[in-house]
Amino acid sequence: MVALEFGVLEKERRQPCLAGLTSGGLFILGSLSSLIPFYICVDNPKHGLYLAIIFTTIMLFIVGVVKSFATRLSWLYSSFETFVITGLGGVVAYFIGTLLS
């Protein structure tokens, strides 16, 4: 975008439909780590919850490692940052849900 603003590129090459489909697909793929354990442990939701926590933590770690390639930060720092931000989001969502119920 900066290159487009400074005139280095004549026009933008992005395709909004492809970007939207990619973003939606990755969102669905990312949510599977917290949904699949409940399908595996249908008889015992408590075990499903524990598996979902483990799977989601692993996926967040992977997202942090991949993010470190784009941000040029340490993979450990990037993974920790991703985990903390999503963890805080989960805590806020929990309390909002508690207040509204």
C-alpha atoms as a PDB file:
ATOM      1  CA  MET A   1       0.000   0.000   0.000  1.00  0.00           C
ATOM      2  CA  VAL A   2       2.840   2.411   0.758  1.00  0.00           C
ATOM      3  CA  ALA A   3       4.396   1.632  -2.612  1.00  0.00           C
ATOM      4  CA  LEU A   4       1.077   2.430  -4.290  1.00  0.00           C
ATOM      5  CA  GLU A   5       0.814   5.753  -2.441  1.00  0.00           C
ATOM      6  CA  PHE A   6       4.321   6.822  -3.454  1.00  0.00           C
ATOM      7  CA  GLY A   7       3.754   5.919  -7.087  1.00  0.00           C
ATOM      8  CA  VAL A   8       6.130   2.951  -7.243  1.00  0.00           C
ATOM      9  CA  LEU A   9       3.233   0.787  -8.404  1.00  0.00           C
ATOM     10  CA  GLU A  10       0.692   2.036 -10.903  1.00  0.00           C
ATOM     11  CA  LYS A  11      -2.228   0.016  -9.608  1.00  0.00           C
ATOM     12  CA  GLU A  12      -3.069  -2.374  -6.851  1.00  0.00           C
ATOM     13  CA  ARG A  13      -2.857  -6.070  -7.754  1.00  0.00           C
ATOM     14  CA  ARG A  14      -5.058  -7.463  -4.965  1.00  0.00           C
ATOM     15  CA  GLN A  15      -8.284  -9.258  -5.692  1.00  0.00           C
ATOM     16  CA  PRO A  16     -10.893  -8.503  -3.004  1.00  0.00           C
ATOM     17  CA  CYS A  17     -12.933 -11.680  -3.595  1.00  0.00           C
ATOM     18  CA  LEU A  18      -9.867 -13.894  -3.328  1.00  0.00           C
ATOM     19  CA  ALA A  19      -8.697 -12.026  -0.222  1.00  0.00           C
ATOM     20  CA  GLY A  20     -12.121 -12.461   1.392  1.00  0.00           C
ATOM     21  CA  LEU A  21     -12.309 -16.162   0.559  1.00  0.00           C
ATOM     22  CA  THR A  22      -8.778 -16.705   1.832  1.00  0.00           C
ATOM     23  CA  SER A  23      -9.494 -14.838   5.062  1.00  0.00           C
ATOM     24  CA  GLY A  24     -12.759 -16.724   5.624  1.00  0.00           C
ATOM     25  CA  GLY A  25     -11.141 -20.067   4.857  1.00  0.00           C
ATOM     26  CA  LEU A  26      -8.283 -19.420   7.254  1.00  0.00           C
ATOM     27  CA  PHE A  27     -10.757 -18.339   9.929  1.00  0.00           C
ATOM     28  CA  ILE A  28     -12.661 -21.609   9.553  1.00  0.00           C
ATOM     29  CA  LEU A  29      -9.422 -23.601   9.534  1.00  0.00           C
ATOM     30  CA  GLY A  30      -8.223 -21.812  12.663  1.00  0.00           C
ATOM     31  CA  SER A  31     -11.456 -22.475  14.533  1.00  0.00           C
ATOM     32  CA  LEU A  32     -11.310 -26.212  13.854  1.00  0.00           C
ATOM     33  CA  SER A  33      -8.678 -26.709  16.543  1.00  0.00           C
ATOM     34  CA  SER A  34     -11.184 -25.690  19.190  1.00  0.00           C
ATOM     35  CA  LEU A  35     -14.194 -27.465  17.654  1.00  0.00           C
ATOM     36  CA  ILE A  36     -12.894 -30.901  16.658  1.00  0.00           C
ATOM     37  CA  PRO A  37     -12.182 -32.044  20.253  1.00  0.00           C
ATOM     38  CA  PHE A  38     -15.873 -31.690  21.098  1.00  0.00           C
ATOM     39  CA  TYR A  39     -16.765 -33.984  18.192  1.00  0.00           C
ATOM     40  CA  ILE A  40     -14.149 -36.486  19.355  1.00  0.00           C
ATOM     41  CA  CYS A  41     -15.343 -36.443  22.993  1.00  0.00           C
ATOM     42  CA  VAL A  42     -19.104 -36.331  22.482  1.00  0.00           C
ATOM     43  CA  ASP A  43     -19.765 -38.447  25.579  1.00  0.00           C
ATOM     44  CA  ASN A  44     -17.608 -36.336  27.907  1.00  0.00           C
ATOM     45  CA  PRO A  45     -17.600 -32.576  27.171  1.00  0.00           C
ATOM     46  CA  LYS A  46     -15.085 -31.978  29.968  1.00  0.00           C
ATOM     47  CA  HIS A  47     -12.474 -34.035  28.119  1.00  0.00           C
ATOM     48  CA  GLY A  48     -13.418 -32.164  24.941  1.00  0.00           C
ATOM     49  CA  LEU A  49     -12.726 -28.890  26.703  1.00  0.00           C
ATOM     50  CA  TYR A  50      -9.300 -30.057  27.868  1.00  0.00           C
ATOM     51  CA  LEU A  51      -8.426 -31.269  24.372  1.00  0.00           C
ATOM     52  CA  ALA A  52      -9.677 -28.007  22.872  1.00  0.00           C
ATOM     53  CA  ILE A  53      -7.413 -26.042  25.219  1.00  0.00           C
ATOM     54  CA  ILE A  54      -4.414 -28.175  24.240  1.00  0.00           C
ATOM     55  CA  PHE A  55      -5.160 -28.073  20.476  1.00  0.00           C
ATOM     56  CA  THR A  56      -5.828 -24.326  20.519  1.00  0.00           C
ATOM     57  CA  THR A  57      -2.627 -23.620  22.450  1.00  0.00           C
ATOM     58  CA  ILE A  58      -0.640 -25.632  19.899  1.00  0.00           C
ATOM     59  CA  MET A  59      -2.320 -23.793  17.009  1.00  0.00           C
ATOM     60  CA  LEU A  60      -1.657 -20.398  18.599  1.00  0.00           C
ATOM     61  CA  PHE A  61       1.984 -21.367  18.995  1.00  0.00           C
ATOM     62  CA  ILE A  62       2.124 -22.305  15.291  1.00  0.00           C
ATOM     63  CA  VAL A  63       0.443 -19.025  14.306  1.00  0.00           C
ATOM     64  CA  GLY A  64       3.027 -17.142  16.376  1.00  0.00           C
ATOM     65  CA  VAL A  65       5.895 -18.965  14.680  1.00  0.00           C
ATOM     66  CA  VAL A  66       4.473 -18.212  11.211  1.00  0.00           C
ATOM     67  CA  LYS A  67       3.851 -14.594  12.244  1.00  0.00           C
ATOM     68  CA  SER A  68       7.506 -14.266  13.255  1.00  0.00           C
ATOM     69  CA  PHE A  69       8.539 -14.690   9.604  1.00  0.00           C
ATOM     70  CA  ALA A  70       6.528 -11.598   8.644  1.00  0.00           C
ATOM     71  CA  THR A  71       7.369  -9.473  11.678  1.00  0.00           C
ATOM     72  CA  ARG A  72      11.052 -10.463  11.911  1.00  0.00           C
ATOM     73  CA  LEU A  73      10.634 -10.916  15.668  1.00  0.00           C
ATOM     74  CA  SER A  74      11.797 -13.898  17.664  1.00  0.00           C
ATOM     75  CA  TRP A  75       9.515 -16.909  17.143  1.00  0.00           C
ATOM     76  CA  LEU A  76       9.266 -17.341  20.902  1.00  0.00           C
ATOM     77  CA  TYR A  77       8.311 -13.703  21.489  1.00  0.00           C
ATOM     78  CA  SER A  78       5.833 -13.762  18.611  1.00  0.00           C
ATOM     79  CA  SER A  79       4.198 -16.964  19.883  1.00  0.00           C
ATOM     80  CA  PHE A  80       3.963 -15.590  23.422  1.00  0.00           C
ATOM     81  CA  GLU A  81       2.503 -12.314  22.126  1.00  0.00           C
ATOM     82  CA  THR A  82      -0.123 -14.186  20.089  1.00  0.00           C
ATOM     83  CA  PHE A  83      -1.039 -16.355  23.058  1.00  0.00           C
ATOM     84  CA  VAL A  84      -1.340 -13.381  25.441  1.00  0.00           C
ATOM     85  CA  ILE A  85      -3.463 -11.305  23.048  1.00  0.00           C
ATOM     86  CA  THR A  86      -5.872 -14.147  22.302  1.00  0.00           C
ATOM     87  CA  GLY A  87      -5.941 -15.129  25.966  1.00  0.00           C
ATOM     88  CA  LEU A  88      -6.906 -11.592  26.986  1.00  0.00           C
ATOM     89  CA  GLY A  89      -9.567 -11.603  24.282  1.00  0.00           C
ATOM     90  CA  GLY A  90     -10.953 -14.844  25.676  1.00  0.00           C
ATOM     91  CA  VAL A  91     -11.055 -13.457  29.212  1.00  0.00           C
ATOM     92  CA  VAL A  92     -12.860 -10.305  28.048  1.00  0.00           C
ATOM     93  CA  ALA A  93     -15.355 -12.395  26.037  1.00  0.00           C
ATOM     94  CA  TYR A  94     -15.962 -14.635  29.062  1.00  0.00           C
ATOM     95  CA  PHE A  95     -16.714 -11.695  31.345  1.00  0.00           C
ATOM     96  CA  ILE A  96     -18.972 -10.034  28.787  1.00  0.00           C
ATOM     97  CA  GLY A  97     -20.844 -13.327  28.413  1.00  0.00           C
ATOM     98  CA  THR A  98     -21.126 -13.611  32.188  1.00  0.00           C
ATOM     99  CA  LEU A  99     -22.500 -10.075  32.463  1.00  0.00           C
ATOM    100  CA  LEU A 100     -25.059 -10.645  29.706  1.00  0.00           C
ATOM    101  CA  SER A 101     -26.319 -14.009  30.979  1.00  0.00           C
END
